[in-house]
Amino acid sequence: MNNSDFWEDIERIAAEGFTPEGLQKIDCYAELFINGRLVYKRFSPFEQHGCAAGGATHVIATLLAGAEAGTDCIAPPDGDSFQRECQRGTQQARRIERWARSVGCWTALSVLGFGRNSDGDFMVVVEQPFIEGTHVSDEEIGTYLQQLGFALHNPCNWTYATPDIYLNDVHDENVIKSKGGNIFVIDCDIRINTPELRCGGRRTLTTEIELI
């Protein structure tokens, strides 16, 4: 199976309404991804490992989002690029919602799945262990991220980046320090840093895959 065949199969599964046969096929793709036999070249090996560690639900959502037409194109930095990005995000959300409803993980907060908030916005529903911690100042956060190789690009919205990773909204309400002194980022916007984000990014959102 080549790259085109793979994404056409994902498109077909979605277009057919996520039938039992289609769901079984996409589960197989997720298993290949998790086992390292399906390499998604958008990610570095370390990033693919992290995605796989999130489990099959995370992997399938990633593949469904990647199947949207145009995800491997870099939009020019003009006034329409943000609108195109929003439109693509809406399409990705709708596709993931249809899949989540098909497999029964569009439900309560006690399960890992997907849903919409009271404003109708698409949300990822997650559960995580409770961490007792203390307040971390924006200055401490900046020092911590700089030690990890991130540079501050916009203090107004707490944006940090390396040439590969873009972080936004990393402020004191989204970061805590544990009793052992470890820093935990509990909620932020993390993306692959592409040139159109204008934070020194060097990555491209390729949809190329390889089956090993």
N, C-alpha and C. Protein backbone atom coordinates (compact mmCIF):
# COMPACT_ATOMS: atom_id res chain seq x y z
N MET A 1 0.85 -1.20 0.00
CA MET A 1 0.00 0.00 0.00
C MET A 1 0.88 1.24 0.00
N ASN A 2 0.62 2.15 -0.95
CA ASN A 2 1.40 3.38 -0.98
C ASN A 2 0.68 4.48 -0.19
N ASN A 3 1.29 5.66 -0.17
CA ASN A 3 0.77 6.77 0.61
C ASN A 3 -0.64 7.16 0.18
N SER A 4 -0.84 7.27 -1.14
CA SER A 4 -2.15 7.66 -1.67
C SER A 4 -3.22 6.65 -1.31
N ASP A 5 -2.88 5.36 -1.45
CA ASP A 5 -3.85 4.30 -1.13
C ASP A 5 -4.28 4.36 0.33
N PHE A 6 -3.32 4.64 1.21
CA PHE A 6 -3.64 4.68 2.64
C PHE A 6 -4.65 5.76 2.94
N TRP A 7 -4.39 6.99 2.49
CA TRP A 7 -5.29 8.09 2.82
C TRP A 7 -6.63 7.96 2.10
N GLU A 8 -6.61 7.38 0.91
CA GLU A 8 -7.89 7.13 0.23
C GLU A 8 -8.71 6.13 1.02
N ASP A 9 -8.05 5.16 1.65
CA ASP A 9 -8.78 4.18 2.46
C ASP A 9 -9.38 4.85 3.70
N ILE A 10 -8.62 5.75 4.34
CA ILE A 10 -9.16 6.49 5.48
C ILE A 10 -10.36 7.33 5.06
N GLU A 11 -10.24 8.00 3.90
CA GLU A 11 -11.35 8.79 3.36
C GLU A 11 -12.57 7.92 3.10
N ARG A 12 -12.35 6.75 2.55
CA ARG A 12 -13.46 5.84 2.23
C ARG A 12 -14.16 5.39 3.50
N ILE A 13 -13.39 5.03 4.53
CA ILE A 13 -13.97 4.59 5.79
C ILE A 13 -14.86 5.68 6.38
N ALA A 14 -14.40 6.92 6.33
CA ALA A 14 -15.20 8.04 6.85
C ALA A 14 -16.42 8.28 5.98
N ALA A 15 -16.25 8.23 4.66
CA ALA A 15 -17.36 8.51 3.74
C ALA A 15 -18.46 7.47 3.87
N GLU A 16 -18.10 6.24 4.19
CA GLU A 16 -19.09 5.17 4.33
C GLU A 16 -19.78 5.19 5.69
N GLY A 17 -19.40 6.15 6.54
CA GLY A 17 -20.09 6.30 7.82
C GLY A 17 -19.56 5.45 8.94
N PHE A 18 -18.30 5.02 8.85
CA PHE A 18 -17.66 4.22 9.90
C PHE A 18 -18.47 2.96 10.20
N THR A 19 -18.57 2.14 9.18
CA THR A 19 -19.23 0.83 9.31
C THR A 19 -18.40 -0.06 10.22
N PRO A 20 -18.96 -1.18 10.70
CA PRO A 20 -18.16 -2.10 11.52
C PRO A 20 -16.88 -2.55 10.82
N GLU A 21 -16.98 -2.78 9.51
CA GLU A 21 -15.79 -3.19 8.77
C GLU A 21 -14.77 -2.06 8.71
N GLY A 22 -15.27 -0.84 8.51
CA GLY A 22 -14.37 0.31 8.48
C GLY A 22 -13.71 0.56 9.81
N LEU A 23 -14.48 0.43 10.89
CA LEU A 23 -13.92 0.64 12.23
C LEU A 23 -12.85 -0.41 12.53
N GLN A 24 -13.09 -1.64 12.09
CA GLN A 24 -12.09 -2.69 12.29
C GLN A 24 -10.80 -2.36 11.53
N LYS A 25 -10.96 -1.84 10.31
CA LYS A 25 -9.79 -1.50 9.50
C LYS A 25 -8.99 -0.37 10.14
N ILE A 26 -9.68 0.66 10.61
CA ILE A 26 -8.96 1.78 11.20
C ILE A 26 -8.32 1.39 12.54
N ASP A 27 -8.92 0.44 13.25
CA ASP A 27 -8.29 -0.09 14.46
C ASP A 27 -6.97 -0.79 14.11
N CYS A 28 -6.98 -1.49 12.98
CA CYS A 28 -5.75 -2.17 12.54
C CYS A 28 -4.66 -1.16 12.20
N TYR A 29 -5.05 -0.07 11.54
CA TYR A 29 -4.07 0.97 11.24
C TYR A 29 -3.49 1.56 12.53
N ALA A 30 -4.35 1.78 13.52
CA ALA A 30 -3.88 2.32 14.79
C ALA A 30 -2.89 1.36 15.45
N GLU A 31 -3.18 0.06 15.38
CA GLU A 31 -2.27 -0.93 15.96
C GLU A 31 -0.91 -0.91 15.26
N LEU A 32 -0.94 -0.77 13.93
CA LEU A 32 0.31 -0.68 13.18
C LEU A 32 1.11 0.56 13.59
N PHE A 33 0.40 1.67 13.79
CA PHE A 33 1.03 2.92 14.22
C PHE A 33 1.68 2.72 15.59
N ILE A 34 0.93 2.16 16.52
CA ILE A 34 1.42 1.99 17.89
C ILE A 34 2.62 1.05 17.94
N ASN A 35 2.61 0.03 17.08
CA ASN A 35 3.70 -0.95 17.04
C ASN A 35 4.88 -0.48 16.20
N GLY A 36 4.79 0.72 15.64
CA GLY A 36 5.90 1.26 14.86
C GLY A 36 5.99 0.74 13.45
N ARG A 37 4.96 0.06 12.98
CA ARG A 37 4.99 -0.49 11.62
C ARG A 37 4.34 0.43 10.60
N LEU A 38 3.62 1.44 11.06
CA LEU A 38 3.10 2.50 10.22
C LEU A 38 3.76 3.79 10.69
N VAL A 39 4.64 4.33 9.87
CA VAL A 39 5.40 5.53 10.24
C VAL A 39 4.74 6.75 9.60
N TYR A 40 4.32 7.68 10.42
CA TYR A 40 3.69 8.92 9.96
C TYR A 40 4.79 9.98 9.95
N LYS A 41 5.27 10.35 8.78
CA LYS A 41 6.47 11.17 8.68
C LYS A 41 6.25 12.63 9.03
N ARG A 42 5.04 12.99 9.37
CA ARG A 42 4.81 14.33 9.94
C ARG A 42 5.55 14.46 11.26
N PHE A 43 5.69 13.35 11.98
CA PHE A 43 6.27 13.35 13.31
C PHE A 43 7.71 12.87 13.29
N SER A 44 8.49 13.33 14.26
CA SER A 44 9.79 12.73 14.52
C SER A 44 9.53 11.38 15.20
N PRO A 45 10.53 10.49 15.22
CA PRO A 45 10.32 9.21 15.93
C PRO A 45 9.90 9.41 17.38
N PHE A 46 10.46 10.40 18.05
CA PHE A 46 10.10 10.67 19.44
C PHE A 46 8.64 11.12 19.55
N GLU A 47 8.20 11.95 18.61
CA GLU A 47 6.82 12.44 18.62
C GLU A 47 5.84 11.32 18.30
N GLN A 48 6.20 10.44 17.37
CA GLN A 48 5.31 9.31 17.06
C GLN A 48 5.18 8.41 18.28
N HIS A 49 6.28 8.20 18.98
CA HIS A 49 6.23 7.39 20.20
C HIS A 49 5.29 8.02 21.21
N GLY A 50 5.35 9.36 21.36
CA GLY A 50 4.47 10.04 22.30
C GLY A 50 3.01 9.92 21.90
N CYS A 51 2.73 10.04 20.59
CA CYS A 51 1.36 9.89 20.11
C CYS A 51 0.86 8.48 20.39
N ALA A 52 1.70 7.49 20.12
CA ALA A 52 1.31 6.10 20.35
C ALA A 52 1.05 5.85 21.84
N ALA A 53 1.83 6.49 22.69
CA ALA A 53 1.66 6.31 24.13
C ALA A 53 0.31 6.83 24.60
N GLY A 54 -0.31 7.72 23.81
CA GLY A 54 -1.64 8.22 24.15
C GLY A 54 -2.75 7.21 23.92
N GLY A 55 -2.42 6.09 23.28
CA GLY A 55 -3.40 5.04 23.06
C GLY A 55 -4.09 5.12 21.71
N ALA A 56 -4.87 4.09 21.42
CA ALA A 56 -5.51 3.97 20.10
C ALA A 56 -6.46 5.13 19.80
N THR A 57 -7.18 5.62 20.80
CA THR A 57 -8.10 6.73 20.57
C THR A 57 -7.36 7.96 20.06
N HIS A 58 -6.24 8.25 20.68
CA HIS A 58 -5.42 9.39 20.26
C HIS A 58 -4.88 9.18 18.85
N VAL A 59 -4.40 7.98 18.58
CA VAL A 59 -3.81 7.68 17.27
C VAL A 59 -4.86 7.79 16.17
N ILE A 60 -6.05 7.23 16.39
CA ILE A 60 -7.09 7.27 15.37
C ILE A 60 -7.53 8.70 15.09
N ALA A 61 -7.68 9.50 16.13
CA ALA A 61 -8.03 10.91 15.94
C ALA A 61 -6.96 11.62 15.12
N THR A 62 -5.70 11.29 15.36
CA THR A 62 -4.59 11.89 14.62
C THR A 62 -4.67 11.53 13.14
N LEU A 63 -4.96 10.26 12.85
CA LEU A 63 -5.05 9.83 11.45
C LEU A 63 -6.27 10.44 10.76
N LEU A 64 -7.38 10.52 11.46
CA LEU A 64 -8.58 11.12 10.87
C LEU A 64 -8.36 12.60 10.57
N ALA A 65 -7.67 13.29 11.46
CA ALA A 65 -7.37 14.70 11.21
C ALA A 65 -6.42 14.85 10.04
N GLY A 66 -5.45 13.96 9.94
CA GLY A 66 -4.47 14.03 8.87
C GLY A 66 -5.04 13.75 7.51
N ALA A 67 -6.18 13.07 7.47
CA ALA A 67 -6.77 12.70 6.18
C ALA A 67 -7.48 13.86 5.50
N GLU A 68 -7.69 14.96 6.20
CA GLU A 68 -8.34 16.10 5.58
C GLU A 68 -7.49 16.66 4.44
N ALA A 69 -8.10 16.94 3.32
CA ALA A 69 -7.39 17.45 2.16
C ALA A 69 -6.66 18.74 2.49
N GLY A 70 -5.42 18.81 2.05
CA GLY A 70 -4.66 20.04 2.20
C GLY A 70 -3.87 20.15 3.47
N THR A 71 -3.86 19.11 4.32
CA THR A 71 -3.14 19.22 5.58
C THR A 71 -1.64 19.21 5.39
N ASP A 72 -1.17 18.83 4.21
CA ASP A 72 0.28 18.84 3.99
C ASP A 72 0.72 20.09 3.25
N CYS A 73 -0.15 21.06 3.11
CA CYS A 73 0.19 22.29 2.40
C CYS A 73 0.49 23.41 3.39
N ILE A 74 1.48 24.20 3.08
CA ILE A 74 1.81 25.35 3.90
C ILE A 74 1.09 26.56 3.33
N ALA A 75 0.18 27.12 4.10
CA ALA A 75 -0.60 28.26 3.63
C ALA A 75 0.27 29.51 3.62
N PRO A 76 0.15 30.37 2.62
CA PRO A 76 0.91 31.61 2.60
C PRO A 76 0.48 32.53 3.74
N PRO A 77 1.40 33.35 4.24
CA PRO A 77 1.06 34.21 5.39
C PRO A 77 0.22 35.41 4.98
N ASP A 78 -1.00 35.17 4.55
CA ASP A 78 -1.87 36.27 4.17
C ASP A 78 -3.10 36.27 5.06
N GLY A 79 -4.01 37.17 4.80
CA GLY A 79 -5.18 37.31 5.66
C GLY A 79 -6.12 36.14 5.62
N ASP A 80 -6.04 35.32 4.56
CA ASP A 80 -6.97 34.21 4.43
C ASP A 80 -6.46 32.93 5.09
N SER A 81 -5.19 32.89 5.46
CA SER A 81 -4.63 31.64 5.98
C SER A 81 -5.29 31.22 7.29
N PHE A 82 -5.57 32.19 8.17
CA PHE A 82 -6.22 31.86 9.44
C PHE A 82 -7.62 31.30 9.20
N GLN A 83 -8.36 31.89 8.27
CA GLN A 83 -9.70 31.41 7.96
C GLN A 83 -9.66 30.00 7.40
N ARG A 84 -8.69 29.72 6.52
CA ARG A 84 -8.56 28.37 5.98
C ARG A 84 -8.23 27.37 7.07
N GLU A 85 -7.37 27.78 8.02
CA GLU A 85 -7.02 26.91 9.12
C GLU A 85 -8.25 26.59 9.98
N CYS A 86 -9.07 27.60 10.24
CA CYS A 86 -10.29 27.39 11.03
C CYS A 86 -11.26 26.45 10.31
N GLN A 87 -11.40 26.63 8.99
CA GLN A 87 -12.29 25.77 8.22
C GLN A 87 -11.81 24.33 8.25
N ARG A 88 -10.49 24.16 8.11
CA ARG A 88 -9.95 22.81 8.14
C ARG A 88 -10.14 22.18 9.51
N GLY A 89 -9.95 22.99 10.57
CA GLY A 89 -10.16 22.48 11.91
C GLY A 89 -11.60 22.05 12.14
N THR A 90 -12.54 22.79 11.59
CA THR A 90 -13.96 22.42 11.70
C THR A 90 -14.23 21.09 11.00
N GLN A 91 -13.66 20.90 9.83
CA GLN A 91 -13.84 19.65 9.10
C GLN A 91 -13.23 18.48 9.86
N GLN A 92 -12.06 18.70 10.43
CA GLN A 92 -11.42 17.64 11.21
C GLN A 92 -12.26 17.29 12.43
N ALA A 93 -12.78 18.31 13.11
CA ALA A 93 -13.61 18.07 14.30
C ALA A 93 -14.86 17.26 13.95
N ARG A 94 -15.50 17.60 12.84
CA ARG A 94 -16.71 16.88 12.45
C ARG A 94 -16.42 15.41 12.16
N ARG A 95 -15.29 15.17 11.50
CA ARG A 95 -14.94 13.78 11.17
C ARG A 95 -14.65 13.00 12.44
N ILE A 96 -13.89 13.58 13.35
CA ILE A 96 -13.59 12.89 14.60
C ILE A 96 -14.86 12.67 15.42
N GLU A 97 -15.78 13.64 15.40
CA GLU A 97 -17.05 13.49 16.11
C GLU A 97 -17.84 12.30 15.56
N ARG A 98 -17.91 12.18 14.24
CA ARG A 98 -18.66 11.05 13.65
C ARG A 98 -18.05 9.72 14.06
N TRP A 99 -16.72 9.65 14.07
CA TRP A 99 -16.07 8.42 14.50
C TRP A 99 -16.33 8.16 15.99
N ALA A 100 -16.20 9.19 16.82
CA ALA A 100 -16.37 9.02 18.26
C ALA A 100 -17.78 8.55 18.60
N ARG A 101 -18.77 9.09 17.89
CA ARG A 101 -20.15 8.63 18.12
C ARG A 101 -20.32 7.19 17.68
N SER A 102 -19.62 6.79 16.61
CA SER A 102 -19.75 5.43 16.10
C SER A 102 -19.21 4.40 17.07
N VAL A 103 -18.13 4.75 17.77
CA VAL A 103 -17.51 3.78 18.68
C VAL A 103 -17.95 3.97 20.13
N GLY A 104 -18.77 5.00 20.40
CA GLY A 104 -19.34 5.17 21.74
C GLY A 104 -18.46 5.89 22.73
N CYS A 105 -17.50 6.72 22.25
CA CYS A 105 -16.69 7.49 23.21
C CYS A 105 -17.04 8.97 23.16
N TRP A 106 -18.28 9.29 22.70
CA TRP A 106 -18.80 10.67 22.77
C TRP A 106 -19.78 10.65 23.97
N THR A 107 -19.26 10.60 25.18
CA THR A 107 -20.10 10.42 26.38
C THR A 107 -19.61 11.26 27.52
N ALA A 108 -19.67 10.70 28.76
CA ALA A 108 -19.38 11.46 29.97
C ALA A 108 -17.89 11.73 30.15
N LEU A 109 -17.58 12.62 31.10
CA LEU A 109 -16.19 12.98 31.37
C LEU A 109 -15.40 11.84 31.98
N SER A 110 -16.06 10.78 32.39
CA SER A 110 -15.35 9.67 33.02
C SER A 110 -14.65 8.80 32.00
N VAL A 111 -14.86 9.05 30.70
CA VAL A 111 -14.19 8.26 29.67
C VAL A 111 -13.32 9.18 28.82
N LEU A 112 -12.38 8.61 28.14
CA LEU A 112 -11.57 9.36 27.19
C LEU A 112 -12.30 9.39 25.87
N GLY A 113 -12.58 10.56 25.36
CA GLY A 113 -13.33 10.67 24.12
C GLY A 113 -13.37 12.10 23.64
N PHE A 114 -14.47 12.46 22.99
CA PHE A 114 -14.61 13.78 22.39
C PHE A 114 -16.01 14.30 22.64
N GLY A 115 -16.18 15.61 22.59
CA GLY A 115 -17.49 16.20 22.80
C GLY A 115 -17.50 17.66 22.41
N ARG A 116 -18.57 18.37 22.79
CA ARG A 116 -18.67 19.80 22.55
C ARG A 116 -19.07 20.50 23.85
N ASN A 117 -18.54 21.70 24.05
CA ASN A 117 -18.91 22.44 25.25
C ASN A 117 -20.23 23.17 25.04
N SER A 118 -20.64 23.99 26.01
CA SER A 118 -21.94 24.65 25.94
C SER A 118 -22.03 25.65 24.79
N ASP A 119 -20.88 26.08 24.28
CA ASP A 119 -20.88 27.00 23.14
C ASP A 119 -20.84 26.27 21.80
N GLY A 120 -20.83 24.93 21.86
CA GLY A 120 -20.78 24.16 20.63
C GLY A 120 -19.39 23.92 20.10
N ASP A 121 -18.36 24.31 20.86
CA ASP A 121 -16.99 24.14 20.41
C ASP A 121 -16.54 22.70 20.61
N PHE A 122 -15.78 22.19 19.64
CA PHE A 122 -15.26 20.83 19.72
C PHE A 122 -14.24 20.73 20.84
N MET A 123 -14.36 19.70 21.68
CA MET A 123 -13.46 19.53 22.81
C MET A 123 -12.95 18.10 22.86
N VAL A 124 -11.72 17.95 23.30
CA VAL A 124 -11.17 16.64 23.61
C VAL A 124 -11.42 16.37 25.08
N VAL A 125 -12.10 15.28 25.39
CA VAL A 125 -12.45 14.92 26.76
C VAL A 125 -11.38 13.96 27.29
N VAL A 126 -10.70 14.37 28.37
CA VAL A 126 -9.61 13.56 28.89
C VAL A 126 -9.77 13.39 30.39
N GLU A 127 -9.08 12.41 30.94
CA GLU A 127 -8.97 12.27 32.38
C GLU A 127 -7.49 12.20 32.72
N GLN A 128 -7.14 12.75 33.85
CA GLN A 128 -5.74 12.77 34.26
C GLN A 128 -5.65 12.70 35.77
N PRO A 129 -4.55 12.16 36.30
CA PRO A 129 -4.41 12.09 37.75
C PRO A 129 -4.34 13.48 38.36
N PHE A 130 -4.87 13.60 39.57
CA PHE A 130 -4.81 14.87 40.28
C PHE A 130 -3.41 15.07 40.85
N ILE A 131 -2.86 16.23 40.61
CA ILE A 131 -1.52 16.54 41.09
C ILE A 131 -1.59 17.68 42.09
N GLU A 132 -1.17 17.42 43.31
CA GLU A 132 -1.10 18.49 44.30
C GLU A 132 0.14 19.32 44.02
N GLY A 133 -0.06 20.62 43.96
CA GLY A 133 1.08 21.46 43.64
C GLY A 133 0.90 22.87 44.12
N THR A 134 1.89 23.68 43.80
CA THR A 134 1.89 25.08 44.21
C THR A 134 1.95 25.98 42.99
N HIS A 135 1.68 27.24 43.22
CA HIS A 135 1.67 28.24 42.17
C HIS A 135 3.07 28.40 41.57
N VAL A 136 3.11 28.58 40.24
CA VAL A 136 4.36 28.84 39.53
C VAL A 136 4.22 30.19 38.83
N SER A 137 5.16 31.07 39.03
CA SER A 137 5.08 32.40 38.43
C SER A 137 5.43 32.33 36.95
N ASP A 138 5.01 33.34 36.21
CA ASP A 138 5.35 33.40 34.79
C ASP A 138 6.86 33.45 34.60
N GLU A 139 7.57 34.08 35.54
CA GLU A 139 9.03 34.14 35.44
C GLU A 139 9.65 32.76 35.59
N GLU A 140 9.14 31.97 36.54
CA GLU A 140 9.64 30.60 36.72
C GLU A 140 9.34 29.75 35.50
N ILE A 141 8.14 29.94 34.94
CA ILE A 141 7.78 29.19 33.73
C ILE A 141 8.74 29.52 32.60
N GLY A 142 9.03 30.81 32.43
CA GLY A 142 9.95 31.22 31.38
C GLY A 142 11.32 30.60 31.55
N THR A 143 11.82 30.60 32.78
CA THR A 143 13.13 29.99 33.05
C THR A 143 13.12 28.50 32.75
N TYR A 144 12.06 27.83 33.17
CA TYR A 144 11.94 26.38 32.95
C TYR A 144 11.93 26.06 31.45
N LEU A 145 11.13 26.80 30.69
CA LEU A 145 11.03 26.53 29.26
C LEU A 145 12.32 26.88 28.53
N GLN A 146 12.98 27.94 28.95
CA GLN A 146 14.25 28.29 28.32
C GLN A 146 15.31 27.22 28.57
N GLN A 147 15.27 26.59 29.73
CA GLN A 147 16.19 25.49 30.01
C GLN A 147 15.93 24.29 29.10
N LEU A 148 14.67 24.17 28.63
CA LEU A 148 14.32 23.10 27.70
C LEU A 148 14.56 23.49 26.24
N GLY A 149 15.05 24.69 26.01
CA GLY A 149 15.37 25.11 24.66
C GLY A 149 14.33 25.97 23.99
N PHE A 150 13.28 26.37 24.73
CA PHE A 150 12.22 27.21 24.16
C PHE A 150 12.58 28.68 24.33
N ALA A 151 12.21 29.48 23.33
CA ALA A 151 12.39 30.93 23.38
C ALA A 151 11.03 31.60 23.45
N LEU A 152 10.94 32.68 24.21
CA LEU A 152 9.70 33.45 24.31
C LEU A 152 9.52 34.29 23.05
N HIS A 153 8.37 34.13 22.39
CA HIS A 153 8.09 34.86 21.15
C HIS A 153 7.02 35.93 21.34
N ASN A 154 6.07 35.69 22.24
CA ASN A 154 5.01 36.67 22.44
C ASN A 154 4.55 36.62 23.90
N PRO A 155 5.00 37.58 24.72
CA PRO A 155 4.60 37.55 26.12
C PRO A 155 3.13 37.86 26.34
N CYS A 156 2.46 38.46 25.36
CA CYS A 156 1.05 38.80 25.52
C CYS A 156 0.16 37.56 25.58
N ASN A 157 0.54 36.49 24.87
CA ASN A 157 -0.25 35.26 24.93
C ASN A 157 0.61 34.06 25.33
N TRP A 158 1.73 34.35 26.00
CA TRP A 158 2.59 33.32 26.57
C TRP A 158 3.00 32.27 25.52
N THR A 159 3.54 32.73 24.41
CA THR A 159 3.96 31.84 23.32
C THR A 159 5.46 31.61 23.38
N TYR A 160 5.83 30.32 23.43
CA TYR A 160 7.22 29.89 23.41
C TYR A 160 7.39 28.92 22.24
N ALA A 161 8.61 28.81 21.73
CA ALA A 161 8.82 27.90 20.61
C ALA A 161 10.28 27.48 20.50
N THR A 162 10.46 26.30 19.94
CA THR A 162 11.73 25.87 19.38
C THR A 162 11.49 25.80 17.87
N PRO A 163 12.51 25.53 17.07
CA PRO A 163 12.25 25.38 15.63
C PRO A 163 11.28 24.24 15.29
N ASP A 164 11.04 23.33 16.24
CA ASP A 164 10.17 22.18 15.99
C ASP A 164 8.82 22.25 16.68
N ILE A 165 8.76 22.83 17.87
CA ILE A 165 7.55 22.80 18.70
C ILE A 165 7.10 24.21 19.06
N TYR A 166 5.79 24.44 18.96
CA TYR A 166 5.16 25.72 19.28
C TYR A 166 4.26 25.52 20.51
N LEU A 167 4.43 26.37 21.52
CA LEU A 167 3.61 26.32 22.73
C LEU A 167 2.93 27.67 22.92
N ASN A 168 1.64 27.63 23.22
CA ASN A 168 0.89 28.86 23.44
C ASN A 168 0.06 28.71 24.71
N ASP A 169 -0.19 29.81 25.40
CA ASP A 169 -1.02 29.84 26.59
C ASP A 169 -0.36 29.14 27.78
N VAL A 170 0.97 29.23 27.84
CA VAL A 170 1.70 28.60 28.95
C VAL A 170 1.88 29.63 30.06
N HIS A 171 0.78 29.92 30.76
CA HIS A 171 0.82 30.92 31.83
C HIS A 171 0.66 30.26 33.19
N ASP A 172 0.65 31.06 34.25
CA ASP A 172 0.72 30.53 35.60
C ASP A 172 -0.51 29.71 36.01
N GLU A 173 -1.64 29.88 35.34
CA GLU A 173 -2.83 29.10 35.68
C GLU A 173 -2.80 27.72 35.02
N ASN A 174 -1.89 27.51 34.08
CA ASN A 174 -1.81 26.24 33.36
C ASN A 174 -0.58 25.42 33.74
N VAL A 175 0.15 25.86 34.74
CA VAL A 175 1.37 25.18 35.16
C VAL A 175 1.39 25.10 36.68
N ILE A 176 1.76 23.94 37.23
CA ILE A 176 1.91 23.80 38.67
C ILE A 176 3.23 23.10 38.98
N LYS A 177 3.68 23.28 40.22
CA LYS A 177 4.89 22.63 40.69
C LYS A 177 4.52 21.63 41.78
N SER A 178 4.97 20.38 41.62
CA SER A 178 4.64 19.34 42.60
C SER A 178 5.46 19.53 43.87
N LYS A 179 5.10 18.74 44.88
CA LYS A 179 5.82 18.81 46.14
C LYS A 179 7.29 18.44 45.96
N GLY A 180 7.57 17.61 44.95
CA GLY A 180 8.94 17.23 44.67
C GLY A 180 9.70 18.23 43.83
N GLY A 181 9.04 19.32 43.45
CA GLY A 181 9.70 20.35 42.67
C GLY A 181 9.60 20.18 41.17
N ASN A 182 8.85 19.17 40.72
CA ASN A 182 8.69 18.95 39.29
C ASN A 182 7.63 19.89 38.72
N ILE A 183 7.87 20.37 37.50
CA ILE A 183 6.96 21.27 36.82
C ILE A 183 6.01 20.46 35.94
N PHE A 184 4.70 20.72 36.05
CA PHE A 184 3.70 20.05 35.23
C PHE A 184 2.90 21.09 34.45
N VAL A 185 2.94 20.96 33.12
CA VAL A 185 2.11 21.79 32.25
C VAL A 185 0.79 21.06 32.07
N ILE A 186 -0.30 21.61 32.58
CA ILE A 186 -1.57 20.87 32.61
C ILE A 186 -2.51 21.26 31.48
N ASP A 187 -2.25 22.37 30.83
CA ASP A 187 -3.15 22.77 29.73
C ASP A 187 -2.46 23.86 28.92
N CYS A 188 -2.14 23.56 27.66
CA CYS A 188 -1.60 24.59 26.78
C CYS A 188 -1.85 24.14 25.34
N ASP A 189 -1.64 25.06 24.43
CA ASP A 189 -1.79 24.78 23.00
C ASP A 189 -0.42 24.38 22.47
N ILE A 190 -0.28 23.13 22.04
CA ILE A 190 0.99 22.63 21.54
C ILE A 190 0.82 22.21 20.08
N ARG A 191 1.73 22.65 19.24
CA ARG A 191 1.65 22.35 17.81
C ARG A 191 3.03 22.07 17.25
N ILE A 192 3.07 21.43 16.09
CA ILE A 192 4.29 21.38 15.30
C ILE A 192 4.56 22.79 14.79
N ASN A 193 5.76 23.27 14.94
CA ASN A 193 6.08 24.65 14.60
C ASN A 193 6.38 24.77 13.10
N THR A 194 5.39 25.23 12.36
CA THR A 194 5.53 25.43 10.92
C THR A 194 5.82 26.90 10.63
N PRO A 195 6.36 27.22 9.46
CA PRO A 195 6.73 28.61 9.16
C PRO A 195 5.58 29.60 9.27
N GLU A 196 4.35 29.18 8.95
CA GLU A 196 3.25 30.14 8.97
C GLU A 196 2.88 30.59 10.38
N LEU A 197 3.36 29.91 11.41
CA LEU A 197 3.12 30.37 12.77
C LEU A 197 4.03 31.54 13.13
N ARG A 198 5.02 31.80 12.30
CA ARG A 198 5.90 32.96 12.43
C ARG A 198 6.66 32.99 13.76
N CYS A 199 7.09 31.81 14.17
CA CYS A 199 7.89 31.72 15.39
C CYS A 199 9.17 30.91 15.12
N GLY A 200 9.73 31.09 13.94
CA GLY A 200 10.97 30.41 13.60
C GLY A 200 10.81 28.94 13.29
N GLY A 201 9.60 28.51 12.95
CA GLY A 201 9.36 27.10 12.68
C GLY A 201 9.99 26.62 11.39
N ARG A 202 10.39 25.35 11.38
CA ARG A 202 11.03 24.76 10.22
C ARG A 202 10.34 23.48 9.74
N ARG A 203 9.25 23.12 10.40
CA ARG A 203 8.59 21.86 10.08
C ARG A 203 7.53 22.04 9.00
N THR A 204 7.19 20.95 8.31
CA THR A 204 6.09 20.94 7.36
C THR A 204 5.09 19.88 7.79
N LEU A 205 3.84 20.11 7.46
CA LEU A 205 2.78 19.19 7.87
C LEU A 205 2.54 18.14 6.79
N THR A 206 3.54 17.36 6.53
CA THR A 206 3.42 16.31 5.51
C THR A 206 2.45 15.23 5.95
N THR A 207 1.77 14.62 5.01
CA THR A 207 0.90 13.49 5.29
C THR A 207 1.51 12.19 4.79
N GLU A 208 2.80 12.19 4.52
CA GLU A 208 3.44 10.98 4.00
C GLU A 208 3.52 9.91 5.09
N ILE A 209 3.15 8.70 4.71
CA ILE A 209 3.25 7.57 5.64
C ILE A 209 4.09 6.48 4.97
N GLU A 210 4.58 5.58 5.81
CA GLU A 210 5.34 4.43 5.31
C GLU A 210 4.97 3.21 6.12
N LEU A 211 4.63 2.13 5.43
CA LEU A 211 4.32 0.87 6.11
C LEU A 211 5.57 0.00 6.09
N ILE A 212 5.98 -0.42 7.26
CA ILE A 212 7.21 -1.20 7.41
C ILE A 212 6.88 -2.69 7.54
